Amino acid sequence: MRLLNKNTSLIIRRNVPRLVKGYISKFAAACLLIFFSCLFITSCESNDNIITTVNPYVKPNSKVLVELFTNTSCLPCVAANTYLDDINKLSGVTNNDTNVIIIRIHTSLFPGDPFYLFNTKDNGARIQYYNVITNPRGYLNGVTMGNYSSGTWTSLINTQLAVIKPISFLITPVFDTVSYTGTVNLQVAQTGAVNETDLRLYLAIVEDSISYNAPNGETLFENVLRYFLTSENGDPIILTQGQTNNFVYNFTISQEINFRHTHVVAFIQSCSMKTIFGVDRIRLVL
């Protein structure tokens, strides 16, 4: 940063007493110190919210989020997990399996579930939020799906798949496969009406294809919640229709996780009503 031009500097050297020059030097040094301090703080910021007009690449969609609460010792959970596995395989269970995004939250209903124990804080927060006391327990866009029934669950999902959601995302992850650190650049656009004002943004790391010989007989586990990059209770977010909010999240994950089988999932939920207004996902490593 150049504070003085060449001519001004020359006048100061010839005409200004040495004491004044000393004050100017101290003032300039202080300005530079403040400048670089601010630069450092900004670079460490994990959530940089910049608002712009709607990005045309952030397109509205009808994707839905299914959250299943399950446990590796839960025998009734097997049927519900198999049902969601078939959706994962794009077997044509629903009208558009591709648009069904799944997160499975493992619980402490029976002790010793390794996927619950991997992250009790984040799993526990979702259990408490929905007040889950039985397994399996399914939620579709934040609304309970009732007891497991393939016919009922498919009908509920198909109904929601026909609805364009008012919030959409553009997720861009960058991941270092050596250090297991990364950054998620997230654009959130509100393209439709949302009446609730207590919105929370969630950004999750979800792992697929985990082999484990579970007490209930299951051996392969999909869509397992590993981390929230946001707070486990979501980050408060204020949206305006017609605008895009931009966020940056830095993170580090355990090397136990197979990054090649991992997705980043973003969704926005009303804290009080529990309604989810938009969801999307992308592979961590493309």
C-alpha atoms as a PDB file:
ATOM      1  CA  MET A   1       0.000   0.000   0.000  1.00  0.00           C
ATOM      2  CA  ARG A   2       1.540   3.359  -1.049  1.00  0.00           C
ATOM      3  CA  LEU A   3       0.368   6.179   1.254  1.00  0.00           C
ATOM      4  CA  LEU A   4       2.559   8.987  -0.200  1.00  0.00           C
ATOM      5  CA  ASN A   5       3.622   9.697  -3.765  1.00  0.00           C
ATOM      6  CA  LYS A   6       7.211  10.428  -4.709  1.00  0.00           C
ATOM      7  CA  ASN A   7       6.933  14.255  -4.720  1.00  0.00           C
ATOM      8  CA  THR A   8       5.194  14.372  -1.356  1.00  0.00           C
ATOM      9  CA  SER A   9       7.839  12.107   0.163  1.00  0.00           C
ATOM     10  CA  LEU A  10      10.560  14.435  -1.157  1.00  0.00           C
ATOM     11  CA  ILE A  11       8.921  17.517   0.441  1.00  0.00           C
ATOM     12  CA  ILE A  12       8.635  15.698   3.758  1.00  0.00           C
ATOM     13  CA  ARG A  13      12.289  14.670   3.695  1.00  0.00           C
ATOM     14  CA  ARG A  14      13.401  18.270   3.055  1.00  0.00           C
ATOM     15  CA  ASN A  15      10.960  20.322   5.134  1.00  0.00           C
ATOM     16  CA  VAL A  16       9.290  18.310   7.881  1.00  0.00           C
ATOM     17  CA  PRO A  17      11.070  17.969  11.192  1.00  0.00           C
ATOM     18  CA  ARG A  18      12.341  14.544  12.100  1.00  0.00           C
ATOM     19  CA  LEU A  19       9.778  14.268  14.915  1.00  0.00           C
ATOM     20  CA  VAL A  20       6.820  14.613  12.510  1.00  0.00           C
ATOM     21  CA  LYS A  21       8.356  12.030  10.179  1.00  0.00           C
ATOM     22  CA  GLY A  22       8.544   9.689  13.143  1.00  0.00           C
ATOM     23  CA  TYR A  23       4.835  10.090  13.863  1.00  0.00           C
ATOM     24  CA  ILE A  24       3.971   9.450  10.213  1.00  0.00           C
ATOM     25  CA  SER A  25       6.078   6.292  10.195  1.00  0.00           C
ATOM     26  CA  LYS A  26       4.361   5.003  13.328  1.00  0.00           C
ATOM     27  CA  PHE A  27       0.935   5.817  11.894  1.00  0.00           C
ATOM     28  CA  ALA A  28       1.726   4.003   8.638  1.00  0.00           C
ATOM     29  CA  ALA A  29       3.002   0.967  10.527  1.00  0.00           C
ATOM     30  CA  ALA A  30      -0.176   0.884  12.636  1.00  0.00           C
ATOM     31  CA  CYS A  31      -2.332   1.021   9.507  1.00  0.00           C
ATOM     32  CA  LEU A  32      -0.421  -1.862   7.950  1.00  0.00           C
ATOM     33  CA  LEU A  33      -0.729  -3.893  11.152  1.00  0.00           C
ATOM     34  CA  ILE A  34      -4.503  -3.406  11.247  1.00  0.00           C
ATOM     35  CA  PHE A  35      -4.778  -4.265   7.553  1.00  0.00           C
ATOM     36  CA  PHE A  36      -2.912  -7.564   7.861  1.00  0.00           C
ATOM     37  CA  SER A  37      -4.714  -8.462  11.089  1.00  0.00           C
ATOM     38  CA  CYS A  38      -8.074  -8.085   9.348  1.00  0.00           C
ATOM     39  CA  LEU A  39      -6.827 -10.115   6.409  1.00  0.00           C
ATOM     40  CA  PHE A  40      -5.797 -12.945   8.732  1.00  0.00           C
ATOM     41  CA  ILE A  41      -9.118 -13.006  10.565  1.00  0.00           C
ATOM     42  CA  THR A  42     -11.091 -13.106   7.313  1.00  0.00           C
ATOM     43  CA  SER A  43      -9.048 -16.026   5.968  1.00  0.00           C
ATOM     44  CA  CYS A  44      -9.896 -18.069   9.090  1.00  0.00           C
ATOM     45  CA  GLU A  45     -13.611 -17.343   8.829  1.00  0.00           C
ATOM     46  CA  SER A  46     -15.528 -20.600   8.272  1.00  0.00           C
ATOM     47  CA  ASN A  47     -18.833 -19.055   7.245  1.00  0.00           C
ATOM     48  CA  ASP A  48     -18.557 -16.136   4.826  1.00  0.00           C
ATOM     49  CA  ASN A  49     -22.080 -15.043   3.905  1.00  0.00           C
ATOM     50  CA  ILE A  50     -22.109 -12.951   0.729  1.00  0.00           C
ATOM     51  CA  ILE A  51     -25.501 -12.140  -0.797  1.00  0.00           C
ATOM     52  CA  THR A  52     -26.014 -11.840  -4.555  1.00  0.00           C
ATOM     53  CA  THR A  53     -28.866 -12.204  -7.007  1.00  0.00           C
ATOM     54  CA  VAL A  54     -29.968 -15.755  -7.782  1.00  0.00           C
ATOM     55  CA  ASN A  55     -27.277 -17.717  -9.568  1.00  0.00           C
ATOM     56  CA  PRO A  56     -28.809 -19.259 -12.716  1.00  0.00           C
ATOM     57  CA  TYR A  57     -26.831 -22.449 -12.020  1.00  0.00           C
ATOM     58  CA  VAL A  58     -28.659 -22.922  -8.702  1.00  0.00           C
ATOM     59  CA  LYS A  59     -31.798 -24.481 -10.136  1.00  0.00           C
ATOM     60  CA  PRO A  60     -35.049 -25.346  -8.319  1.00  0.00           C
ATOM     61  CA  ASN A  61     -35.716 -29.065  -7.932  1.00  0.00           C
ATOM     62  CA  SER A  62     -38.052 -31.551  -6.275  1.00  0.00           C
ATOM     63  CA  LYS A  63     -35.487 -33.507  -4.262  1.00  0.00           C
ATOM     64  CA  VAL A  64     -36.552 -34.921  -0.906  1.00  0.00           C
ATOM     65  CA  LEU A  65     -34.720 -35.892   2.274  1.00  0.00           C
ATOM     66  CA  VAL A  66     -35.448 -39.149   4.091  1.00  0.00           C
ATOM     67  CA  GLU A  67     -33.904 -39.460   7.553  1.00  0.00           C
ATOM     68  CA  LEU A  68     -33.959 -42.945   9.046  1.00  0.00           C
ATOM     69  CA  PHE A  69     -33.182 -43.589  12.700  1.00  0.00           C
ATOM     70  CA  THR A  70     -31.746 -47.068  13.017  1.00  0.00           C
ATOM     71  CA  ASN A  71     -29.472 -49.279  15.118  1.00  0.00           C
ATOM     72  CA  THR A  72     -27.190 -52.184  14.273  1.00  0.00           C
ATOM     73  CA  SER A  73     -28.924 -54.423  16.852  1.00  0.00           C
ATOM     74  CA  CYS A  74     -32.452 -53.487  15.763  1.00  0.00           C
ATOM     75  CA  LEU A  75     -34.126 -56.430  13.979  1.00  0.00           C
ATOM     76  CA  PRO A  76     -37.183 -54.455  12.710  1.00  0.00           C
ATOM     77  CA  CYS A  77     -34.754 -51.928  11.175  1.00  0.00           C
ATOM     78  CA  VAL A  78     -33.543 -54.453   8.618  1.00  0.00           C
ATOM     79  CA  ALA A  79     -36.648 -54.193   6.416  1.00  0.00           C
ATOM     80  CA  ALA A  80     -36.606 -50.379   6.436  1.00  0.00           C
ATOM     81  CA  ASN A  81     -32.885 -50.329   5.620  1.00  0.00           C
ATOM     82  CA  THR A  82     -33.375 -52.815   2.776  1.00  0.00           C
ATOM     83  CA  TYR A  83     -36.145 -50.611   1.365  1.00  0.00           C
ATOM     84  CA  LEU A  84     -33.852 -47.554   1.374  1.00  0.00           C
ATOM     85  CA  ASP A  85     -30.989 -49.625  -0.032  1.00  0.00           C
ATOM     86  CA  ASP A  86     -33.185 -50.407  -3.052  1.00  0.00           C
ATOM     87  CA  ILE A  87     -33.776 -46.677  -3.549  1.00  0.00           C
ATOM     88  CA  ASN A  88     -30.006 -46.147  -3.330  1.00  0.00           C
ATOM     89  CA  LYS A  89     -29.550 -48.701  -6.085  1.00  0.00           C
ATOM     90  CA  LEU A  90     -32.031 -46.768  -8.260  1.00  0.00           C
ATOM     91  CA  SER A  91     -34.235 -49.837  -8.474  1.00  0.00           C
ATOM     92  CA  GLY A  92     -37.344 -47.865  -9.377  1.00  0.00           C
ATOM     93  CA  VAL A  93     -38.929 -47.988  -5.928  1.00  0.00           C
ATOM     94  CA  THR A  94     -40.236 -44.424  -6.262  1.00  0.00           C
ATOM     95  CA  ASN A  95     -41.126 -42.233  -9.219  1.00  0.00           C
ATOM     96  CA  ASN A  96     -37.609 -40.769  -9.143  1.00  0.00           C
ATOM     97  CA  ASP A  97     -35.121 -42.625  -6.940  1.00  0.00           C
ATOM     98  CA  THR A  98     -32.340 -40.253  -8.035  1.00  0.00           C
ATOM     99  CA  ASN A  99     -34.069 -37.370  -6.258  1.00  0.00           C
ATOM    100  CA  VAL A 100     -34.401 -39.218  -2.942  1.00  0.00           C
ATOM    101  CA  ILE A 101     -31.539 -38.226  -0.616  1.00  0.00           C
ATOM    102  CA  ILE A 102     -31.076 -40.393   2.466  1.00  0.00           C
ATOM    103  CA  ILE A 103     -29.329 -39.863   5.797  1.00  0.00           C
ATOM    104  CA  ARG A 104     -29.308 -42.688   8.333  1.00  0.00           C
ATOM    105  CA  ILE A 105     -28.813 -41.620  11.926  1.00  0.00           C
ATOM    106  CA  HIS A 106     -27.686 -44.401  14.224  1.00  0.00           C
ATOM    107  CA  THR A 107     -29.064 -44.391  17.740  1.00  0.00           C
ATOM    108  CA  SER A 108     -28.302 -45.611  21.260  1.00  0.00           C
ATOM    109  CA  LEU A 109     -31.522 -47.647  21.431  1.00  0.00           C
ATOM    110  CA  PHE A 110     -29.302 -50.729  21.819  1.00  0.00           C
ATOM    111  CA  PRO A 111     -25.746 -50.293  23.148  1.00  0.00           C
ATOM    112  CA  GLY A 112     -22.642 -50.790  21.052  1.00  0.00           C
ATOM    113  CA  ASP A 113     -23.709 -49.374  17.680  1.00  0.00           C
ATOM    114  CA  PRO A 114     -20.327 -48.291  16.228  1.00  0.00           C
ATOM    115  CA  PHE A 115     -21.879 -45.703  13.909  1.00  0.00           C
ATOM    116  CA  TYR A 116     -23.643 -43.986  16.813  1.00  0.00           C
ATOM    117  CA  LEU A 117     -20.478 -44.155  18.922  1.00  0.00           C
ATOM    118  CA  PHE A 118     -18.391 -42.650  16.104  1.00  0.00           C
ATOM    119  CA  ASN A 119     -20.143 -39.307  16.655  1.00  0.00           C
ATOM    120  CA  THR A 120     -22.532 -39.288  19.602  1.00  0.00           C
ATOM    121  CA  LYS A 121     -22.829 -35.494  19.521  1.00  0.00           C
ATOM    122  CA  ASP A 122     -24.237 -35.136  16.000  1.00  0.00           C
ATOM    123  CA  ASN A 123     -26.294 -38.337  16.073  1.00  0.00           C
ATOM    124  CA  GLY A 124     -27.611 -37.434  19.511  1.00  0.00           C
ATOM    125  CA  ALA A 125     -28.678 -33.965  18.391  1.00  0.00           C
ATOM    126  CA  ARG A 126     -30.930 -35.363  15.633  1.00  0.00           C
ATOM    127  CA  ILE A 127     -32.346 -37.992  17.999  1.00  0.00           C
ATOM    128  CA  GLN A 128     -33.196 -35.309  20.538  1.00  0.00           C
ATOM    129  CA  TYR A 129     -34.538 -32.907  17.916  1.00  0.00           C
ATOM    130  CA  TYR A 130     -37.143 -35.399  16.711  1.00  0.00           C
ATOM    131  CA  ASN A 131     -37.564 -36.999  20.161  1.00  0.00           C
ATOM    132  CA  VAL A 132     -36.912 -40.443  18.695  1.00  0.00           C
ATOM    133  CA  ILE A 133     -37.614 -43.256  21.175  1.00  0.00           C
ATOM    134  CA  THR A 134     -38.242 -46.191  18.793  1.00  0.00           C
ATOM    135  CA  ASN A 135     -36.443 -47.656  15.772  1.00  0.00           C
ATOM    136  CA  PRO A 136     -36.861 -47.771  12.858  1.00  0.00           C
ATOM    137  CA  ARG A 137     -38.184 -44.242  12.619  1.00  0.00           C
ATOM    138  CA  GLY A 138     -38.422 -42.417   9.292  1.00  0.00           C
ATOM    139  CA  TYR A 139     -38.880 -38.724   8.506  1.00  0.00           C
ATOM    140  CA  LEU A 140     -39.616 -37.251   5.094  1.00  0.00           C
ATOM    141  CA  ASN A 141     -38.640 -33.588   4.776  1.00  0.00           C
ATOM    142  CA  GLY A 142     -38.916 -33.330   8.550  1.00  0.00           C
ATOM    143  CA  VAL A 143     -42.330 -35.025   8.867  1.00  0.00           C
ATOM    144  CA  THR A 144     -42.764 -38.470  10.402  1.00  0.00           C
ATOM    145  CA  MET A 145     -43.576 -41.267   7.952  1.00  0.00           C
ATOM    146  CA  GLY A 146     -45.167 -43.490  10.607  1.00  0.00           C
ATOM    147  CA  ASN A 147     -44.398 -47.164  11.098  1.00  0.00           C
ATOM    148  CA  TYR A 148     -42.449 -48.744   8.273  1.00  0.00           C
ATOM    149  CA  SER A 149     -44.562 -49.851   5.335  1.00  0.00           C
ATOM    150  CA  SER A 150     -43.089 -49.980   1.853  1.00  0.00           C
ATOM    151  CA  GLY A 151     -46.385 -49.008   0.245  1.00  0.00           C
ATOM    152  CA  THR A 152     -47.076 -46.117   2.618  1.00  0.00           C
ATOM    153  CA  TRP A 153     -43.521 -44.786   2.487  1.00  0.00           C
ATOM    154  CA  THR A 154     -43.413 -44.960  -1.310  1.00  0.00           C
ATOM    155  CA  SER A 155     -46.706 -43.086  -1.595  1.00  0.00           C
ATOM    156  CA  LEU A 156     -45.504 -40.352   0.772  1.00  0.00           C
ATOM    157  CA  ILE A 157     -42.208 -39.979  -1.066  1.00  0.00           C
ATOM    158  CA  ASN A 158     -43.876 -39.831  -4.489  1.00  0.00           C
ATOM    159  CA  THR A 159     -46.189 -37.067  -3.271  1.00  0.00           C
ATOM    160  CA  GLN A 160     -43.224 -34.954  -2.198  1.00  0.00           C
ATOM    161  CA  LEU A 161     -41.260 -35.737  -5.356  1.00  0.00           C
ATOM    162  CA  ALA A 162     -43.977 -33.949  -7.314  1.00  0.00           C
ATOM    163  CA  VAL A 163     -43.422 -30.677  -5.428  1.00  0.00           C
ATOM    164  CA  ILE A 164     -40.784 -28.121  -6.498  1.00  0.00           C
ATOM    165  CA  LYS A 165     -38.930 -26.951  -3.400  1.00  0.00           C
ATOM    166  CA  PRO A 166     -38.464 -23.217  -2.669  1.00  0.00           C
ATOM    167  CA  ILE A 167     -34.786 -23.505  -1.708  1.00  0.00           C
ATOM    168  CA  SER A 168     -31.991 -24.998  -3.790  1.00  0.00           C
ATOM    169  CA  PHE A 169     -28.232 -25.415  -3.540  1.00  0.00           C
ATOM    170  CA  LEU A 170     -24.994 -25.460  -5.481  1.00  0.00           C
ATOM    171  CA  ILE A 171     -22.399 -27.465  -3.521  1.00  0.00           C
ATOM    172  CA  THR A 172     -18.731 -27.329  -4.529  1.00  0.00           C
ATOM    173  CA  PRO A 173     -16.363 -29.398  -2.360  1.00  0.00           C
ATOM    174  CA  VAL A 174     -12.569 -29.350  -2.522  1.00  0.00           C
ATOM    175  CA  PHE A 175     -10.848 -32.179  -0.652  1.00  0.00           C
ATOM    176  CA  ASP A 176      -7.194 -33.046   0.011  1.00  0.00           C
ATOM    177  CA  THR A 177      -6.934 -36.848  -0.026  1.00  0.00           C
ATOM    178  CA  VAL A 178      -3.611 -36.769   1.845  1.00  0.00           C
ATOM    179  CA  SER A 179      -4.407 -34.474   4.778  1.00  0.00           C
ATOM    180  CA  TYR A 180      -8.151 -35.313   4.837  1.00  0.00           C
ATOM    181  CA  THR A 181      -8.948 -31.611   5.003  1.00  0.00           C
ATOM    182  CA  GLY A 182     -11.275 -29.753   2.713  1.00  0.00           C
ATOM    183  CA  THR A 183     -13.520 -26.833   1.936  1.00  0.00           C
ATOM    184  CA  VAL A 184     -17.153 -26.703   0.885  1.00  0.00           C
ATOM    185  CA  ASN A 185     -18.288 -23.671  -1.086  1.00  0.00           C
ATOM    186  CA  LEU A 186     -22.051 -23.507  -0.797  1.00  0.00           C
ATOM    187  CA  GLN A 187     -24.559 -21.345  -2.633  1.00  0.00           C
ATOM    188  CA  VAL A 188     -28.100 -21.254  -1.261  1.00  0.00           C
ATOM    189  CA  ALA A 189     -30.877 -19.718  -3.353  1.00  0.00           C
ATOM    190  CA  GLN A 190     -34.469 -19.056  -2.354  1.00  0.00           C
ATOM    191  CA  THR A 191     -36.581 -19.250  -5.478  1.00  0.00           C
ATOM    192  CA  GLY A 192     -40.006 -19.702  -3.890  1.00  0.00           C
ATOM    193  CA  ALA A 193     -42.028 -18.503  -0.907  1.00  0.00           C
ATOM    194  CA  VAL A 194     -40.999 -19.551   2.614  1.00  0.00           C
ATOM    195  CA  ASN A 195     -43.063 -18.190   5.502  1.00  0.00           C
ATOM    196  CA  GLU A 196     -40.954 -19.497   8.392  1.00  0.00           C
ATOM    197  CA  THR A 197     -38.206 -17.228   9.699  1.00  0.00           C
ATOM    198  CA  ASP A 198     -36.385 -19.644  12.020  1.00  0.00           C
ATOM    199  CA  LEU A 199     -34.449 -21.438   9.291  1.00  0.00           C
ATOM    200  CA  ARG A 200     -31.353 -23.520   9.986  1.00  0.00           C
ATOM    201  CA  LEU A 201     -28.719 -24.603   7.487  1.00  0.00           C
ATOM    202  CA  TYR A 202     -27.269 -28.102   7.840  1.00  0.00           C
ATOM    203  CA  LEU A 203     -24.226 -29.409   6.006  1.00  0.00           C
ATOM    204  CA  ALA A 204     -23.482 -33.101   6.585  1.00  0.00           C
ATOM    205  CA  ILE A 205     -20.806 -35.629   5.696  1.00  0.00           C
ATOM    206  CA  VAL A 206     -22.468 -38.967   4.873  1.00  0.00           C
ATOM    207  CA  GLU A 207     -20.607 -42.210   4.118  1.00  0.00           C
ATOM    208  CA  ASP A 208     -21.771 -45.168   2.006  1.00  0.00           C
ATOM    209  CA  SER A 209     -20.759 -48.819   1.558  1.00  0.00           C
ATOM    210  CA  ILE A 210     -19.398 -49.487   5.058  1.00  0.00           C
ATOM    211  CA  SER A 211     -18.814 -53.176   5.766  1.00  0.00           C
ATOM    212  CA  TYR A 212     -19.706 -54.374   9.282  1.00  0.00           C
ATOM    213  CA  ASN A 213     -21.135 -57.624  10.598  1.00  0.00           C
ATOM    214  CA  ALA A 214     -23.938 -56.242  12.720  1.00  0.00           C
ATOM    215  CA  PRO A 215     -25.824 -58.143  15.451  1.00  0.00           C
ATOM    216  CA  ASN A 216     -29.061 -57.769  13.441  1.00  0.00           C
ATOM    217  CA  GLY A 217     -27.521 -59.571  10.463  1.00  0.00           C
ATOM    218  CA  GLU A 218     -26.822 -56.542   8.262  1.00  0.00           C
ATOM    219  CA  THR A 219     -23.383 -56.405   6.674  1.00  0.00           C
ATOM    220  CA  LEU A 220     -23.391 -53.264   4.477  1.00  0.00           C
ATOM    221  CA  PHE A 221     -24.366 -49.811   5.681  1.00  0.00           C
ATOM    222  CA  GLU A 222     -25.285 -46.868   3.471  1.00  0.00           C
ATOM    223  CA  ASN A 223     -25.904 -43.142   3.995  1.00  0.00           C
ATOM    224  CA  VAL A 224     -24.367 -43.150   7.477  1.00  0.00           C
ATOM    225  CA  LEU A 225     -24.215 -39.727   9.137  1.00  0.00           C
ATOM    226  CA  ARG A 226     -20.594 -39.042  10.053  1.00  0.00           C
ATOM    227  CA  TYR A 227     -20.383 -35.308  10.759  1.00  0.00           C
ATOM    228  CA  PHE A 228     -22.213 -32.031  10.567  1.00  0.00           C
ATOM    229  CA  LEU A 229     -19.931 -29.317   9.216  1.00  0.00           C
ATOM    230  CA  THR A 230     -22.418 -26.821  10.598  1.00  0.00           C
ATOM    231  CA  SER A 231     -23.470 -26.886  14.228  1.00  0.00           C
ATOM    232  CA  GLU A 232     -25.226 -30.138  15.119  1.00  0.00           C
ATOM    233  CA  ASN A 233     -28.347 -27.994  15.573  1.00  0.00           C
ATOM    234  CA  GLY A 234     -27.827 -26.183  12.274  1.00  0.00           C
ATOM    235  CA  ASP A 235     -26.602 -22.657  11.603  1.00  0.00           C
ATOM    236  CA  PRO A 236     -29.205 -19.852  11.611  1.00  0.00           C
ATOM    237  CA  ILE A 237     -29.705 -18.471   8.122  1.00  0.00           C
ATOM    238  CA  ILE A 238     -31.712 -15.547   6.741  1.00  0.00           C
ATOM    239  CA  LEU A 239     -32.864 -15.872   3.138  1.00  0.00           C
ATOM    240  CA  THR A 240     -34.646 -13.523   0.768  1.00  0.00           C
ATOM    241  CA  GLN A 241     -36.549 -14.689  -2.270  1.00  0.00           C
ATOM    242  CA  GLY A 242     -34.622 -13.899  -5.430  1.00  0.00           C
ATOM    243  CA  GLN A 243     -31.218 -13.857  -3.741  1.00  0.00           C
ATOM    244  CA  THR A 244     -28.331 -16.302  -3.347  1.00  0.00           C
ATOM    245  CA  ASN A 245     -26.337 -16.619  -0.119  1.00  0.00           C
ATOM    246  CA  ASN A 246     -22.751 -17.852  -0.334  1.00  0.00           C
ATOM    247  CA  PHE A 247     -20.992 -19.785   2.441  1.00  0.00           C
ATOM    248  CA  VAL A 248     -17.595 -21.404   2.951  1.00  0.00           C
ATOM    249  CA  TYR A 249     -17.005 -24.275   5.381  1.00  0.00           C
ATOM    250  CA  ASN A 250     -13.548 -25.656   6.175  1.00  0.00           C
ATOM    251  CA  PHE A 251     -13.294 -29.123   7.698  1.00  0.00           C
ATOM    252  CA  THR A 252     -11.154 -32.113   8.624  1.00  0.00           C
ATOM    253  CA  ILE A 253     -12.473 -35.691   8.686  1.00  0.00           C
ATOM    254  CA  SER A 254     -11.209 -38.902  10.232  1.00  0.00           C
ATOM    255  CA  GLN A 255      -9.044 -41.129   8.078  1.00  0.00           C
ATOM    256  CA  GLU A 256     -11.391 -43.976   9.049  1.00  0.00           C
ATOM    257  CA  ILE A 257     -13.773 -42.570   6.447  1.00  0.00           C
ATOM    258  CA  ASN A 258     -13.540 -43.752   2.861  1.00  0.00           C
ATOM    259  CA  PHE A 259     -13.683 -40.426   1.047  1.00  0.00           C
ATOM    260  CA  ARG A 260     -14.436 -42.185  -2.255  1.00  0.00           C
ATOM    261  CA  HIS A 261     -17.758 -43.366  -0.802  1.00  0.00           C
ATOM    262  CA  THR A 262     -18.717 -40.089   0.824  1.00  0.00           C
ATOM    263  CA  HIS A 263     -21.248 -37.355   0.007  1.00  0.00           C
ATOM    264  CA  VAL A 264     -21.821 -33.828   1.218  1.00  0.00           C
ATOM    265  CA  VAL A 265     -25.505 -33.199   1.959  1.00  0.00           C
ATOM    266  CA  ALA A 266     -26.998 -29.723   2.434  1.00  0.00           C
ATOM    267  CA  PHE A 267     -30.508 -28.988   3.667  1.00  0.00           C
ATOM    268  CA  ILE A 268     -32.486 -26.173   5.276  1.00  0.00           C
ATOM    269  CA  GLN A 269     -35.048 -26.812   7.992  1.00  0.00           C
ATOM    270  CA  SER A 270     -37.428 -24.734  10.075  1.00  0.00           C
ATOM    271  CA  CYS A 271     -36.262 -25.052  13.673  1.00  0.00           C
ATOM    272  CA  SER A 272     -39.763 -25.034  15.188  1.00  0.00           C
ATOM    273  CA  MET A 273     -41.905 -26.571  12.448  1.00  0.00           C
ATOM    274  CA  LYS A 274     -39.210 -29.081  11.382  1.00  0.00           C
ATOM    275  CA  THR A 275     -40.191 -28.644   7.716  1.00  0.00           C
ATOM    276  CA  ILE A 276     -37.304 -29.106   5.272  1.00  0.00           C
ATOM    277  CA  PHE A 277     -37.536 -26.643   2.378  1.00  0.00           C
ATOM    278  CA  GLY A 278     -34.685 -27.875   0.224  1.00  0.00           C
ATOM    279  CA  VAL A 279     -31.994 -30.529   0.042  1.00  0.00           C
ATOM    280  CA  ASP A 280     -29.173 -31.548  -2.260  1.00  0.00           C
ATOM    281  CA  ARG A 281     -25.990 -33.587  -2.242  1.00  0.00           C
ATOM    282  CA  ILE A 282     -22.766 -34.135  -4.145  1.00  0.00           C
ATOM    283  CA  ARG A 283     -19.888 -36.569  -3.921  1.00  0.00           C
ATOM    284  CA  LEU A 284     -17.008 -35.373  -1.751  1.00  0.00           C
ATOM    285  CA  VAL A 285     -14.489 -36.420  -4.390  1.00  0.00           C
ATOM    286  CA  LEU A 286     -15.789 -36.098  -7.943  1.00  0.00           C
END
